Amino acid sequence: MAVTIRDVARASGVHISTVSRTFSAPHLVNPETRSRVLATAEQLGYRPNRAARALITGRTHNIGLIVADIANPFFPPLIKAAETHARRRDYHVFVADTDEDPIVELDLVQALAKQVDGILLCSPRMSDDQIEQVRREVPLVVVNRMITGLPAVVMDVGHGAREAVRHLLDLGHRHLVYLAGPRGSWTNREIRRAAGATARAAGADLTVLGPNQPVEETGAAAAEAVLRTGATAVLAYNDLMAIGLLQALQDRGVDVPGQVSVVGIDDIAYSGLVRPRLTTVANPTAAAGRTAVDMLLQQGDDGATGQVTLRTDLIIRNSTGPGPYAPAVAITAEVAAAHVKE
């Protein structure tokens, strides 16, 4: 026979309404009482009826998480962290993939709006106006996109791009390429703006190639265009493109980093496995997932909004080396090794 809320109340020595509040509004229950009720429920094997609870509270305890491309290794750590963090708050996460298509993205948001308490919109491709419109239909937090007045979690890719370009400049590179990401991407605009400004301030040239789809194949396909520019260093929109480029250059007999240095962005797992190991900008994707869940649930509780920026860090590995204008003091193997982070 199924355990009921009455059984839990009786065994815990509390009123039925206290058990109900423990699951529907735990912040309203004394911590000691809440712990006792939860322990009793666990011991008895009680599971609250989510459908019934939704009718009472108006909340489904479901969250939608929409990503631009679930096959991109950038997203799984974010998804996993968000799911784990939400589960601790007694929320379930529904994941959907837009395949980089703003029309699909809009359809998914509208389809999920009536089934969830809010949506995490990750690297969206919709226009600002469309995002502002759907926010009137469902609470949301935008990840990796800054829109005035909307709650957002962003990774400071501008800082990362500046650090990457400075690293290349310090190595003696003066002709750089930015292998751009998709059209309509906020992240792409931020990287391009920061990289361009940093190069110009140093009197260096930055050629932009793109827009491109953010996949390994487009990085590989760009190898000939990169070589035609005469550039000695490349910053790619993400690690997938950088890895594709790196492998295509090697297939053409181009030494990386001897002839061309390559830098990616994201620090996906593969970036440390390719040879040479990829210098990259590490994005705090797991922290972004957790922070976005917290912001969404706080928004539901008190209407709070805000924007959080998370730090990015340059991880120097083996795919970057001295350029034509390297400092007069030679960068020896020992000095280079001192700059490499495992």
C-alpha atoms as a PDB file:
ATOM      1  CA  MET A   1       0.000   0.000   0.000  1.00  0.00           C
ATOM      2  CA  ALA A   2       1.351   3.416  -0.980  1.00  0.00           C
ATOM      3  CA  VAL A   3       2.615   5.680   1.775  1.00  0.00           C
ATOM      4  CA  THR A   4       0.504   8.853   2.105  1.00  0.00           C
ATOM      5  CA  ILE A   5       1.141  12.327   3.414  1.00  0.00           C
ATOM      6  CA  ARG A   6      -0.921  11.400   6.485  1.00  0.00           C
ATOM      7  CA  ASP A   7       1.500   8.554   7.252  1.00  0.00           C
ATOM      8  CA  VAL A   8       4.450  10.932   7.125  1.00  0.00           C
ATOM      9  CA  ALA A   9       2.667  13.494   9.329  1.00  0.00           C
ATOM     10  CA  ARG A  10       1.765  10.878  11.905  1.00  0.00           C
ATOM     11  CA  ALA A  11       5.270   9.387  12.021  1.00  0.00           C
ATOM     12  CA  SER A  12       6.884  12.849  12.194  1.00  0.00           C
ATOM     13  CA  GLY A  13       4.531  14.139  14.888  1.00  0.00           C
ATOM     14  CA  VAL A  14       3.458  17.158  12.809  1.00  0.00           C
ATOM     15  CA  HIS A  15       0.324  18.371  11.043  1.00  0.00           C
ATOM     16  CA  ILE A  16      -0.365  17.364   7.435  1.00  0.00           C
ATOM     17  CA  SER A  17       0.011  20.990   6.360  1.00  0.00           C
ATOM     18  CA  THR A  18       3.578  21.015   7.737  1.00  0.00           C
ATOM     19  CA  VAL A  19       4.493  18.018   5.581  1.00  0.00           C
ATOM     20  CA  SER A  20       2.911  19.727   2.586  1.00  0.00           C
ATOM     21  CA  ARG A  21       4.883  22.941   3.190  1.00  0.00           C
ATOM     22  CA  THR A  22       8.098  20.935   3.645  1.00  0.00           C
ATOM     23  CA  PHE A  23       7.833  19.830   0.017  1.00  0.00           C
ATOM     24  CA  SER A  24       6.115  22.848  -1.562  1.00  0.00           C
ATOM     25  CA  ALA A  25       7.675  25.760   0.366  1.00  0.00           C
ATOM     26  CA  PRO A  26      10.558  24.396   2.476  1.00  0.00           C
ATOM     27  CA  HIS A  27      11.836  27.875   3.361  1.00  0.00           C
ATOM     28  CA  LEU A  28       8.672  28.393   5.433  1.00  0.00           C
ATOM     29  CA  VAL A  29       9.371  25.388   7.669  1.00  0.00           C
ATOM     30  CA  ASN A  30      11.648  25.374  10.717  1.00  0.00           C
ATOM     31  CA  PRO A  31      14.948  23.720   9.639  1.00  0.00           C
ATOM     32  CA  GLU A  32      14.848  21.131  12.419  1.00  0.00           C
ATOM     33  CA  THR A  33      11.246  20.209  11.616  1.00  0.00           C
ATOM     34  CA  ARG A  34      11.983  20.143   7.903  1.00  0.00           C
ATOM     35  CA  SER A  35      14.901  17.765   8.422  1.00  0.00           C
ATOM     36  CA  ARG A  36      12.762  15.464  10.571  1.00  0.00           C
ATOM     37  CA  VAL A  37       9.947  15.376   8.023  1.00  0.00           C
ATOM     38  CA  LEU A  38      12.313  14.722   5.111  1.00  0.00           C
ATOM     39  CA  ALA A  39      14.101  11.958   7.016  1.00  0.00           C
ATOM     40  CA  THR A  40      10.771  10.333   7.888  1.00  0.00           C
ATOM     41  CA  ALA A  41       9.552  10.587   4.306  1.00  0.00           C
ATOM     42  CA  GLU A  42      12.759   8.988   3.068  1.00  0.00           C
ATOM     43  CA  GLN A  43      12.509   6.214   5.636  1.00  0.00           C
ATOM     44  CA  LEU A  44       8.887   5.459   4.733  1.00  0.00           C
ATOM     45  CA  GLY A  45       9.528   5.731   0.986  1.00  0.00           C
ATOM     46  CA  TYR A  46       7.090   8.615   0.524  1.00  0.00           C
ATOM     47  CA  ARG A  47       7.156  10.546  -2.757  1.00  0.00           C
ATOM     48  CA  PRO A  48       4.931  13.618  -3.132  1.00  0.00           C
ATOM     49  CA  ASN A  49       2.472  13.709  -6.036  1.00  0.00           C
ATOM     50  CA  ARG A  50       3.960  16.366  -8.296  1.00  0.00           C
ATOM     51  CA  ALA A  51       0.767  16.862 -10.290  1.00  0.00           C
ATOM     52  CA  ALA A  52      -1.297  17.442  -7.174  1.00  0.00           C
ATOM     53  CA  ARG A  53       1.355  19.728  -5.732  1.00  0.00           C
ATOM     54  CA  ALA A  54       1.413  21.765  -8.949  1.00  0.00           C
ATOM     55  CA  LEU A  55      -2.346  22.331  -8.682  1.00  0.00           C
ATOM     56  CA  ILE A  56      -1.930  23.633  -5.128  1.00  0.00           C
ATOM     57  CA  THR A  57       1.224  25.728  -5.538  1.00  0.00           C
ATOM     58  CA  GLY A  58       0.997  26.704  -9.206  1.00  0.00           C
ATOM     59  CA  ARG A  59       4.530  25.347  -9.658  1.00  0.00           C
ATOM     60  CA  THR A  60       5.585  22.322 -11.662  1.00  0.00           C
ATOM     61  CA  HIS A  61       9.079  22.086 -10.140  1.00  0.00           C
ATOM     62  CA  ASN A  62      10.353  21.632 -13.680  1.00  0.00           C
ATOM     63  CA  ILE A  63      12.931  23.806 -15.438  1.00  0.00           C
ATOM     64  CA  GLY A  64      13.576  24.003 -19.170  1.00  0.00           C
ATOM     65  CA  LEU A  65      17.194  24.210 -20.349  1.00  0.00           C
ATOM     66  CA  ILE A  66      17.635  25.097 -24.020  1.00  0.00           C
ATOM     67  CA  VAL A  67      21.078  24.913 -25.627  1.00  0.00           C
ATOM     68  CA  ALA A  68      22.323  25.905 -29.068  1.00  0.00           C
ATOM     69  CA  ASP A  69      23.964  22.549 -29.875  1.00  0.00           C
ATOM     70  CA  ILE A  70      23.954  19.625 -27.468  1.00  0.00           C
ATOM     71  CA  ALA A  71      26.680  17.909 -29.528  1.00  0.00           C
ATOM     72  CA  ASN A  72      29.092  20.749 -28.708  1.00  0.00           C
ATOM     73  CA  PRO A  73      31.321  19.621 -25.777  1.00  0.00           C
ATOM     74  CA  PHE A  74      30.961  23.092 -24.278  1.00  0.00           C
ATOM     75  CA  PHE A  75      27.400  22.367 -23.114  1.00  0.00           C
ATOM     76  CA  PRO A  76      27.423  18.983 -21.278  1.00  0.00           C
ATOM     77  CA  PRO A  77      29.312  20.282 -18.180  1.00  0.00           C
ATOM     78  CA  LEU A  78      26.826  23.155 -17.957  1.00  0.00           C
ATOM     79  CA  ILE A  79      23.851  20.808 -18.360  1.00  0.00           C
ATOM     80  CA  LYS A  80      25.160  18.324 -15.794  1.00  0.00           C
ATOM     81  CA  ALA A  81      25.893  21.039 -13.221  1.00  0.00           C
ATOM     82  CA  ALA A  82      22.470  22.639 -13.713  1.00  0.00           C
ATOM     83  CA  GLU A  83      20.666  19.285 -13.405  1.00  0.00           C
ATOM     84  CA  THR A  84      22.546  18.299 -10.252  1.00  0.00           C
ATOM     85  CA  HIS A  85      22.036  21.694  -8.643  1.00  0.00           C
ATOM     86  CA  ALA A  86      18.339  21.785  -9.550  1.00  0.00           C
ATOM     87  CA  ARG A  87      17.784  18.274  -8.196  1.00  0.00           C
ATOM     88  CA  ARG A  88      19.096  19.406  -4.804  1.00  0.00           C
ATOM     89  CA  ARG A  89      16.366  22.047  -4.866  1.00  0.00           C
ATOM     90  CA  ASP A  90      13.759  19.401  -5.797  1.00  0.00           C
ATOM     91  CA  TYR A  91      13.508  20.524  -9.423  1.00  0.00           C
ATOM     92  CA  HIS A  92      13.743  18.466 -12.601  1.00  0.00           C
ATOM     93  CA  VAL A  93      15.417  19.768 -15.764  1.00  0.00           C
ATOM     94  CA  PHE A  94      14.132  19.212 -19.310  1.00  0.00           C
ATOM     95  CA  VAL A  95      16.901  19.683 -21.910  1.00  0.00           C
ATOM     96  CA  ALA A  96      16.247  20.743 -25.504  1.00  0.00           C
ATOM     97  CA  ASP A  97      18.573  21.453 -28.455  1.00  0.00           C
ATOM     98  CA  THR A  98      17.982  24.157 -31.087  1.00  0.00           C
ATOM     99  CA  ASP A  99      20.718  23.094 -33.545  1.00  0.00           C
ATOM    100  CA  GLU A 100      21.781  26.761 -33.747  1.00  0.00           C
ATOM    101  CA  ASP A 101      18.400  27.663 -35.308  1.00  0.00           C
ATOM    102  CA  PRO A 102      16.586  30.747 -33.893  1.00  0.00           C
ATOM    103  CA  ILE A 103      13.225  29.595 -35.305  1.00  0.00           C
ATOM    104  CA  VAL A 104      13.503  26.224 -33.571  1.00  0.00           C
ATOM    105  CA  GLU A 105      14.618  28.049 -30.439  1.00  0.00           C
ATOM    106  CA  LEU A 106      11.504  30.227 -30.380  1.00  0.00           C
ATOM    107  CA  ASP A 107       9.246  27.211 -30.962  1.00  0.00           C
ATOM    108  CA  LEU A 108      10.886  25.321 -28.086  1.00  0.00           C
ATOM    109  CA  VAL A 109      10.522  28.198 -25.639  1.00  0.00           C
ATOM    110  CA  GLN A 110       6.836  28.596 -26.473  1.00  0.00           C
ATOM    111  CA  ALA A 111       6.242  24.826 -26.235  1.00  0.00           C
ATOM    112  CA  LEU A 112       7.966  24.540 -22.846  1.00  0.00           C
ATOM    113  CA  ALA A 113       6.505  27.721 -21.355  1.00  0.00           C
ATOM    114  CA  LYS A 114       3.346  26.053 -20.025  1.00  0.00           C
ATOM    115  CA  GLN A 115       5.175  22.962 -18.738  1.00  0.00           C
ATOM    116  CA  VAL A 116       7.939  24.506 -16.620  1.00  0.00           C
ATOM    117  CA  ASP A 117       8.435  27.161 -13.961  1.00  0.00           C
ATOM    118  CA  GLY A 118      11.173  28.864 -15.946  1.00  0.00           C
ATOM    119  CA  ILE A 119      13.724  28.433 -18.714  1.00  0.00           C
ATOM    120  CA  LEU A 120      17.513  28.665 -18.903  1.00  0.00           C
ATOM    121  CA  LEU A 121      18.299  29.938 -22.390  1.00  0.00           C
ATOM    122  CA  CYS A 122      21.919  29.072 -23.210  1.00  0.00           C
ATOM    123  CA  SER A 123      23.786  30.868 -26.004  1.00  0.00           C
ATOM    124  CA  PRO A 124      20.520  31.885 -27.681  1.00  0.00           C
ATOM    125  CA  ARG A 125      20.362  32.764 -31.373  1.00  0.00           C
ATOM    126  CA  MET A 126      17.050  34.652 -31.236  1.00  0.00           C
ATOM    127  CA  SER A 127      17.046  38.439 -31.511  1.00  0.00           C
ATOM    128  CA  ASP A 128      16.928  40.611 -28.383  1.00  0.00           C
ATOM    129  CA  ASP A 129      13.332  41.569 -29.218  1.00  0.00           C
ATOM    130  CA  GLN A 130      12.266  37.928 -29.459  1.00  0.00           C
ATOM    131  CA  ILE A 131      13.898  37.082 -26.135  1.00  0.00           C
ATOM    132  CA  GLU A 132      12.241  40.039 -24.440  1.00  0.00           C
ATOM    133  CA  GLN A 133       8.914  38.909 -25.913  1.00  0.00           C
ATOM    134  CA  VAL A 134       9.167  35.311 -24.626  1.00  0.00           C
ATOM    135  CA  ARG A 135      10.215  36.556 -21.218  1.00  0.00           C
ATOM    136  CA  ARG A 136       6.700  37.936 -20.874  1.00  0.00           C
ATOM    137  CA  GLU A 137       5.410  34.371 -21.292  1.00  0.00           C
ATOM    138  CA  VAL A 138       7.766  32.556 -18.908  1.00  0.00           C
ATOM    139  CA  PRO A 139      10.500  33.468 -16.382  1.00  0.00           C
ATOM    140  CA  LEU A 140      13.929  32.970 -17.879  1.00  0.00           C
ATOM    141  CA  VAL A 141      17.638  33.438 -17.332  1.00  0.00           C
ATOM    142  CA  VAL A 142      19.903  33.965 -20.314  1.00  0.00           C
ATOM    143  CA  VAL A 143      23.320  32.302 -20.291  1.00  0.00           C
ATOM    144  CA  ASN A 144      26.101  33.817 -22.417  1.00  0.00           C
ATOM    145  CA  ARG A 145      24.082  36.746 -23.686  1.00  0.00           C
ATOM    146  CA  MET A 146      23.730  40.209 -22.149  1.00  0.00           C
ATOM    147  CA  ILE A 147      20.409  41.984 -22.689  1.00  0.00           C
ATOM    148  CA  THR A 148      19.574  45.109 -20.705  1.00  0.00           C
ATOM    149  CA  GLY A 149      17.009  44.421 -17.994  1.00  0.00           C
ATOM    150  CA  LEU A 150      17.077  40.623 -18.333  1.00  0.00           C
ATOM    151  CA  PRO A 151      18.631  38.273 -15.768  1.00  0.00           C
ATOM    152  CA  ALA A 152      21.791  36.780 -17.235  1.00  0.00           C
ATOM    153  CA  VAL A 153      24.880  34.745 -16.452  1.00  0.00           C
ATOM    154  CA  VAL A 154      27.782  35.502 -18.763  1.00  0.00           C
ATOM    155  CA  MET A 155      31.322  34.226 -18.979  1.00  0.00           C
ATOM    156  CA  ASP A 156      33.759  37.088 -19.449  1.00  0.00           C
ATOM    157  CA  VAL A 157      34.929  36.043 -22.902  1.00  0.00           C
ATOM    158  CA  GLY A 158      36.070  39.597 -23.590  1.00  0.00           C
ATOM    159  CA  HIS A 159      38.640  39.301 -20.807  1.00  0.00           C
ATOM    160  CA  GLY A 160      39.687  35.886 -22.101  1.00  0.00           C
ATOM    161  CA  ALA A 161      40.099  37.179 -25.657  1.00  0.00           C
ATOM    162  CA  ARG A 162      42.233  40.100 -24.457  1.00  0.00           C
ATOM    163  CA  GLU A 163      44.453  37.727 -22.488  1.00  0.00           C
ATOM    164  CA  ALA A 164      44.795  35.406 -25.476  1.00  0.00           C
ATOM    165  CA  VAL A 165      45.763  38.223 -27.851  1.00  0.00           C
ATOM    166  CA  ARG A 166      48.219  39.690 -25.324  1.00  0.00           C
ATOM    167  CA  HIS A 167      49.813  36.256 -24.988  1.00  0.00           C
ATOM    168  CA  LEU A 168      50.277  36.075 -28.765  1.00  0.00           C
ATOM    169  CA  LEU A 169      51.620  39.630 -28.903  1.00  0.00           C
ATOM    170  CA  ASP A 170      54.087  38.871 -26.107  1.00  0.00           C
ATOM    171  CA  LEU A 171      55.322  35.900 -28.145  1.00  0.00           C
ATOM    172  CA  GLY A 172      56.108  38.222 -31.059  1.00  0.00           C
ATOM    173  CA  HIS A 173      53.080  37.775 -33.327  1.00  0.00           C
ATOM    174  CA  ARG A 174      51.903  40.899 -35.181  1.00  0.00           C
ATOM    175  CA  HIS A 175      49.604  39.464 -37.857  1.00  0.00           C
ATOM    176  CA  LEU A 176      46.708  37.599 -36.290  1.00  0.00           C
ATOM    177  CA  VAL A 177      43.482  35.994 -37.474  1.00  0.00           C
ATOM    178  CA  TYR A 178      40.230  35.748 -35.570  1.00  0.00           C
ATOM    179  CA  LEU A 179      38.305  32.714 -36.816  1.00  0.00           C
ATOM    180  CA  ALA A 180      34.825  34.009 -36.056  1.00  0.00           C
ATOM    181  CA  GLY A 181      31.785  32.143 -34.761  1.00  0.00           C
ATOM    182  CA  PRO A 182      28.136  32.201 -35.836  1.00  0.00           C
ATOM    183  CA  ARG A 183      26.258  35.291 -36.933  1.00  0.00           C
ATOM    184  CA  GLY A 184      23.986  36.589 -34.172  1.00  0.00           C
ATOM    185  CA  SER A 185      26.157  35.221 -31.367  1.00  0.00           C
ATOM    186  CA  TRP A 186      26.715  37.647 -28.465  1.00  0.00           C
ATOM    187  CA  THR A 187      29.844  35.713 -27.507  1.00  0.00           C
ATOM    188  CA  ASN A 188      31.235  36.095 -31.029  1.00  0.00           C
ATOM    189  CA  ARG A 189      30.692  39.864 -30.930  1.00  0.00           C
ATOM    190  CA  GLU A 190      32.389  40.171 -27.538  1.00  0.00           C
ATOM    191  CA  ILE A 191      35.425  38.146 -28.602  1.00  0.00           C
ATOM    192  CA  ARG A 192      35.768  40.052 -31.876  1.00  0.00           C
ATOM    193  CA  ARG A 193      35.475  43.444 -30.159  1.00  0.00           C
ATOM    194  CA  ALA A 194      37.972  42.619 -27.405  1.00  0.00           C
ATOM    195  CA  ALA A 195      40.496  40.904 -29.677  1.00  0.00           C
ATOM    196  CA  GLY A 196      40.336  43.711 -32.243  1.00  0.00           C
ATOM    197  CA  ALA A 197      40.804  46.480 -29.684  1.00  0.00           C
ATOM    198  CA  THR A 198      43.746  44.698 -28.045  1.00  0.00           C
ATOM    199  CA  ALA A 199      45.497  44.102 -31.383  1.00  0.00           C
ATOM    200  CA  ARG A 200      44.960  47.699 -32.538  1.00  0.00           C
ATOM    201  CA  ALA A 201      46.310  49.095 -29.262  1.00  0.00           C
ATOM    202  CA  ALA A 202      49.551  47.189 -29.900  1.00  0.00           C
ATOM    203  CA  GLY A 203      49.790  48.196 -33.558  1.00  0.00           C
ATOM    204  CA  ALA A 204      49.095  44.637 -34.721  1.00  0.00           C
ATOM    205  CA  ASP A 205      46.806  43.463 -37.531  1.00  0.00           C
ATOM    206  CA  LEU A 206      43.756  41.275 -36.883  1.00  0.00           C
ATOM    207  CA  THR A 207      42.006  39.706 -39.871  1.00  0.00           C
ATOM    208  CA  VAL A 208      38.498  38.348 -39.227  1.00  0.00           C
ATOM    209  CA  LEU A 209      37.422  35.233 -41.130  1.00  0.00           C
ATOM    210  CA  GLY A 210      33.735  34.416 -40.828  1.00  0.00           C
ATOM    211  CA  PRO A 211      31.042  34.151 -39.653  1.00  0.00           C
ATOM    212  CA  ASN A 212      31.298  30.366 -39.310  1.00  0.00           C
ATOM    213  CA  GLN A 213      29.362  27.542 -37.737  1.00  0.00           C
ATOM    214  CA  PRO A 214      31.135  26.665 -34.457  1.00  0.00           C
ATOM    215  CA  VAL A 215      32.119  23.114 -35.399  1.00  0.00           C
ATOM    216  CA  GLU A 216      35.359  21.275 -36.090  1.00  0.00           C
ATOM    217  CA  GLU A 217      34.669  20.991 -39.821  1.00  0.00           C
ATOM    218  CA  THR A 218      34.547  24.766 -40.355  1.00  0.00           C
ATOM    219  CA  GLY A 219      37.846  25.170 -38.528  1.00  0.00           C
ATOM    220  CA  ALA A 220      39.428  22.624 -40.851  1.00  0.00           C
ATOM    221  CA  ALA A 221      37.862  24.226 -43.926  1.00  0.00           C
ATOM    222  CA  ALA A 222      39.347  27.607 -42.936  1.00  0.00           C
ATOM    223  CA  ALA A 223      42.969  26.392 -43.060  1.00  0.00           C
ATOM    224  CA  GLU A 224      43.623  27.583 -46.633  1.00  0.00           C
ATOM    225  CA  ALA A 225      42.072  30.991 -45.951  1.00  0.00           C
ATOM    226  CA  VAL A 226      44.197  31.374 -42.824  1.00  0.00           C
ATOM    227  CA  LEU A 227      47.386  30.560 -44.728  1.00  0.00           C
ATOM    228  CA  ARG A 228      46.506  33.029 -47.487  1.00  0.00           C
ATOM    229  CA  THR A 229      46.415  35.886 -44.959  1.00  0.00           C
ATOM    230  CA  GLY A 230      50.027  35.272 -43.998  1.00  0.00           C
ATOM    231  CA  ALA A 231      49.059  35.349 -40.320  1.00  0.00           C
ATOM    232  CA  THR A 232      51.312  33.603 -37.816  1.00  0.00           C
ATOM    233  CA  ALA A 233      48.702  33.208 -35.053  1.00  0.00           C
ATOM    234  CA  VAL A 234      45.003  32.392 -34.883  1.00  0.00           C
ATOM    235  CA  LEU A 235      42.380  32.887 -32.170  1.00  0.00           C
ATOM    236  CA  ALA A 236      39.338  30.703 -32.833  1.00  0.00           C
ATOM    237  CA  TYR A 237      35.786  31.282 -31.581  1.00  0.00           C
ATOM    238  CA  ASN A 238      35.862  27.948 -29.763  1.00  0.00           C
ATOM    239  CA  ASP A 239      38.017  24.889 -29.189  1.00  0.00           C
ATOM    240  CA  LEU A 240      36.212  22.773 -31.783  1.00  0.00           C
ATOM    241  CA  MET A 241      37.123  25.205 -34.555  1.00  0.00           C
ATOM    242  CA  ALA A 242      40.665  25.554 -33.203  1.00  0.00           C
ATOM    243  CA  ILE A 243      41.142  21.767 -33.139  1.00  0.00           C
ATOM    244  CA  GLY A 244      39.796  21.411 -36.678  1.00  0.00           C
ATOM    245  CA  LEU A 245      42.142  24.155 -37.866  1.00  0.00           C
ATOM    246  CA  LEU A 246      45.125  22.723 -36.005  1.00  0.00           C
ATOM    247  CA  GLN A 247      44.675  19.279 -37.554  1.00  0.00           C
ATOM    248  CA  ALA A 248      44.106  20.683 -41.047  1.00  0.00           C
ATOM    249  CA  LEU A 249      47.282  22.787 -40.807  1.00  0.00           C
ATOM    250  CA  GLN A 250      49.276  19.751 -39.736  1.00  0.00           C
ATOM    251  CA  ASP A 251      47.814  17.756 -42.645  1.00  0.00           C
ATOM    252  CA  ARG A 252      49.226  20.446 -44.955  1.00  0.00           C
ATOM    253  CA  GLY A 253      52.674  20.153 -43.401  1.00  0.00           C
ATOM    254  CA  VAL A 254      52.367  23.386 -41.418  1.00  0.00           C
ATOM    255  CA  ASP A 255      54.164  23.232 -38.077  1.00  0.00           C
ATOM    256  CA  VAL A 256      52.017  24.233 -35.086  1.00  0.00           C
ATOM    257  CA  PRO A 257      53.249  26.257 -33.277  1.00  0.00           C
ATOM    258  CA  GLY A 258      56.506  26.611 -35.254  1.00  0.00           C
ATOM    259  CA  GLN A 259      54.850  28.375 -38.204  1.00  0.00           C
ATOM    260  CA  VAL A 260      51.338  29.159 -36.914  1.00  0.00           C
ATOM    261  CA  SER A 261      50.178  29.423 -33.298  1.00  0.00           C
ATOM    262  CA  VAL A 262      46.579  28.449 -32.492  1.00  0.00           C
ATOM    263  CA  VAL A 263      44.398  29.437 -29.516  1.00  0.00           C
ATOM    264  CA  GLY A 264      40.886  28.199 -28.752  1.00  0.00           C
ATOM    265  CA  ILE A 265      38.196  29.182 -26.296  1.00  0.00           C
ATOM    266  CA  ASP A 266      36.241  26.941 -23.852  1.00  0.00           C
ATOM    267  CA  ASP A 267      38.858  24.458 -22.549  1.00  0.00           C
ATOM    268  CA  ILE A 268      36.797  21.416 -23.485  1.00  0.00           C
ATOM    269  CA  ALA A 269      38.202  18.007 -22.521  1.00  0.00           C
ATOM    270  CA  TYR A 270      39.583  17.395 -26.032  1.00  0.00           C
ATOM    271  CA  SER A 271      41.773  20.505 -25.874  1.00  0.00           C
ATOM    272  CA  GLY A 272      44.244  18.744 -23.609  1.00  0.00           C
ATOM    273  CA  LEU A 273      44.256  15.546 -25.677  1.00  0.00           C
ATOM    274  CA  VAL A 274      45.182  16.832 -29.151  1.00  0.00           C
ATOM    275  CA  ARG A 275      48.817  17.215 -30.150  1.00  0.00           C
ATOM    276  CA  PRO A 276      50.104  19.777 -29.657  1.00  0.00           C
ATOM    277  CA  ARG A 277      47.881  20.379 -26.646  1.00  0.00           C
ATOM    278  CA  LEU A 278      45.716  23.410 -27.245  1.00  0.00           C
ATOM    279  CA  THR A 279      46.254  26.777 -25.596  1.00  0.00           C
ATOM    280  CA  THR A 280      42.767  27.986 -24.731  1.00  0.00           C
ATOM    281  CA  VAL A 281      40.569  30.245 -22.628  1.00  0.00           C
ATOM    282  CA  ALA A 282      38.811  28.269 -19.893  1.00  0.00           C
ATOM    283  CA  ASN A 283      35.126  29.101 -19.478  1.00  0.00           C
ATOM    284  CA  PRO A 284      33.482  28.282 -16.103  1.00  0.00           C
ATOM    285  CA  THR A 285      30.592  26.369 -17.662  1.00  0.00           C
ATOM    286  CA  ALA A 286      29.660  24.299 -14.598  1.00  0.00           C
ATOM    287  CA  ALA A 287      29.579  27.401 -12.408  1.00  0.00           C
ATOM    288  CA  ALA A 288      27.396  29.101 -15.021  1.00  0.00           C
ATOM    289  CA  GLY A 289      24.894  26.227 -14.873  1.00  0.00           C
ATOM    290  CA  ARG A 290      24.636  26.368 -11.077  1.00  0.00           C
ATOM    291  CA  THR A 291      24.420  30.149 -10.979  1.00  0.00           C
ATOM    292  CA  ALA A 292      21.705  30.223 -13.644  1.00  0.00           C
ATOM    293  CA  VAL A 293      19.553  27.754 -11.670  1.00  0.00           C
ATOM    294  CA  ASP A 294      19.909  29.865  -8.524  1.00  0.00           C
ATOM    295  CA  MET A 295      18.999  33.051 -10.396  1.00  0.00           C
ATOM    296  CA  LEU A 296      15.944  31.460 -11.970  1.00  0.00           C
ATOM    297  CA  LEU A 297      14.592  30.118  -8.671  1.00  0.00           C
ATOM    298  CA  GLN A 298      15.271  33.414  -6.877  1.00  0.00           C
ATOM    299  CA  GLN A 299      13.458  35.190  -9.672  1.00  0.00           C
ATOM    300  CA  GLY A 300      10.479  32.950  -9.064  1.00  0.00           C
ATOM    301  CA  ASP A 301      10.556  33.601  -5.316  1.00  0.00           C
ATOM    302  CA  ASP A 302      10.921  37.372  -5.224  1.00  0.00           C
ATOM    303  CA  GLY A 303      11.019  38.673  -8.791  1.00  0.00           C
ATOM    304  CA  ALA A 304      14.720  39.470  -8.432  1.00  0.00           C
ATOM    305  CA  THR A 305      16.746  40.096 -11.567  1.00  0.00           C
ATOM    306  CA  GLY A 306      20.414  40.703 -12.114  1.00  0.00           C
ATOM    307  CA  GLN A 307      23.407  39.936 -14.243  1.00  0.00           C
ATOM    308  CA  VAL A 308      26.391  37.880 -13.119  1.00  0.00           C
ATOM    309  CA  THR A 309      29.744  37.824 -14.898  1.00  0.00           C
ATOM    310  CA  LEU A 310      32.043  34.847 -14.320  1.00  0.00           C
ATOM    311  CA  ARG A 311      35.818  35.001 -14.733  1.00  0.00           C
ATOM    312  CA  THR A 312      37.625  33.273 -17.607  1.00  0.00           C
ATOM    313  CA  ASP A 313      41.285  32.196 -17.547  1.00  0.00           C
ATOM    314  CA  LEU A 314      43.915  31.686 -20.222  1.00  0.00           C
ATOM    315  CA  ILE A 315      45.391  28.171 -20.134  1.00  0.00           C
ATOM    316  CA  ILE A 316      48.750  28.161 -21.925  1.00  0.00           C
ATOM    317  CA  ARG A 317      49.724  24.816 -23.412  1.00  0.00           C
ATOM    318  CA  ASN A 318      51.775  23.785 -26.447  1.00  0.00           C
ATOM    319  CA  SER A 319      49.941  25.158 -29.506  1.00  0.00           C
ATOM    320  CA  THR A 320      51.424  28.660 -29.151  1.00  0.00           C
ATOM    321  CA  GLY A 321      55.056  29.601 -29.666  1.00  0.00           C
ATOM    322  CA  PRO A 322      57.392  32.450 -30.671  1.00  0.00           C
ATOM    323  CA  GLY A 323      56.421  34.629 -33.625  1.00  0.00           C
ATOM    324  CA  PRO A 324      58.496  36.600 -36.156  1.00  0.00           C
ATOM    325  CA  TYR A 325      58.843  39.541 -33.772  1.00  0.00           C
ATOM    326  CA  ALA A 326      59.781  37.566 -30.680  1.00  0.00           C
ATOM    327  CA  PRO A 327      61.674  39.543 -28.016  1.00  0.00           C
ATOM    328  CA  ALA A 328      65.417  39.935 -28.475  1.00  0.00           C
ATOM    329  CA  VAL A 329      65.993  37.563 -25.560  1.00  0.00           C
ATOM    330  CA  ALA A 330      65.274  34.189 -27.109  1.00  0.00           C
ATOM    331  CA  ILE A 331      62.396  32.234 -25.660  1.00  0.00           C
ATOM    332  CA  THR A 332      64.238  29.062 -24.752  1.00  0.00           C
ATOM    333  CA  ALA A 333      62.573  25.728 -24.204  1.00  0.00           C
ATOM    334  CA  GLU A 334      63.023  26.201 -20.465  1.00  0.00           C
ATOM    335  CA  VAL A 335      61.348  29.620 -20.481  1.00  0.00           C
ATOM    336  CA  ALA A 336      58.518  28.370 -22.699  1.00  0.00           C
ATOM    337  CA  ALA A 337      57.981  25.389 -20.400  1.00  0.00           C
ATOM    338  CA  ALA A 338      57.641  27.754 -17.435  1.00  0.00           C
ATOM    339  CA  HIS A 339      54.650  29.351 -19.178  1.00  0.00           C
ATOM    340  CA  VAL A 340      52.851  26.089 -19.855  1.00  0.00           C
ATOM    341  CA  LYS A 341      50.081  25.044 -17.474  1.00  0.00           C
ATOM    342  CA  GLU A 342      49.273  21.383 -17.171  1.00  0.00           C
END
